């Protein structure tokens, strides 16, 4: 699920009001792309639209919207901010930010959106902004609308356009969490889970040794709600039941188990990424053994072993985990549709 969505539900369910800040339009060089979100409350801000003076100004405006909520509970505003001239940031472009004051009354559409994303369905969210007497754009009338995307349109996008004197923000919100099956609950596996717990993925952590996993209280301290533990005497079942496009990472304590898992994963062929911890020697041995089991050499070539991005030689669990996560993210980016892959990459302000 989108992290901003679960955080927003939690805040509003406790009776707090919050302002959802969305990058409605990015013009030229900007820190983050259209559709990026931040949540602002009276005391804190969660997530980021790019940092720097832009974010400071956005928080200032959002808190003004919160204060205005005494007379306009569902206030909305649009603000265009030039990054170079007005904010002194080196990006040089401009952004249009949408501000929406939300409270407990918005939990309905938020819950619907969360259910749809959890089911893997993209959703179009539409929000209108009307001009008030003093010329600022704000509204407290029209509800947020959710609808099905056009057939064949599943990728996320965000458009701001004018219709009949009203500005309309229309965004396609798509599931952004990708499935990962991690085999092995040793030191490196535990370090990798701590990294994956911060990423937009769903992790199934598999090992046949119950005692290898953290105790419940220690697992809770990881703060990784996207990670599920599977104690399984037949871990290869997790390969067979994984959805297409799953990423598999193998780092068990048993080389023969690694080999069996590698064969099963490679025979599937529909994975997004397959990485296995090990040396160059282990790879050579596995290449011969997998070929002897009838695995196509083209498939074997898709196996990332040694695991991790090139140039990092430190073998401490934490370094391997970060390197492996980076390699996984490279594969996920490469597998995105061409339209998404061609979007401008975010950069610092």
Foldseek 3Di string as FASTA:
>chain_A
DPPVLVVVLVQQVVFFKKKKKFQQQWFAFDQAHGGAIKIEGPVDIDHDPFDAQVRVVVNVVQVVVVVVCVPQVWKKFKDKDQCPPPRNDPRRIITIMIITIDHNVPSVVSVVCVVCQVVFFKKKKKDKWAADPVGTTIDRDDDIDIDHDDPPDADWDWHWDDDPRIIMIIIIGGQDAAEEEEEALALLLVLLLLVVLVDRYAYEYEDQDPVSHDDPVVVVVSNRPSYDYDNDPCVLVVLVPDDFQYAYEYEHPDLVVVLVSLLSNLVVVRYLAAEYADDPVSLVVSLVVSVVVPRDNVSSVRYHPNAFDPPDDDDDSNSSSVRNVVVSVVSVLVPDPPVVNPPDDRDHD
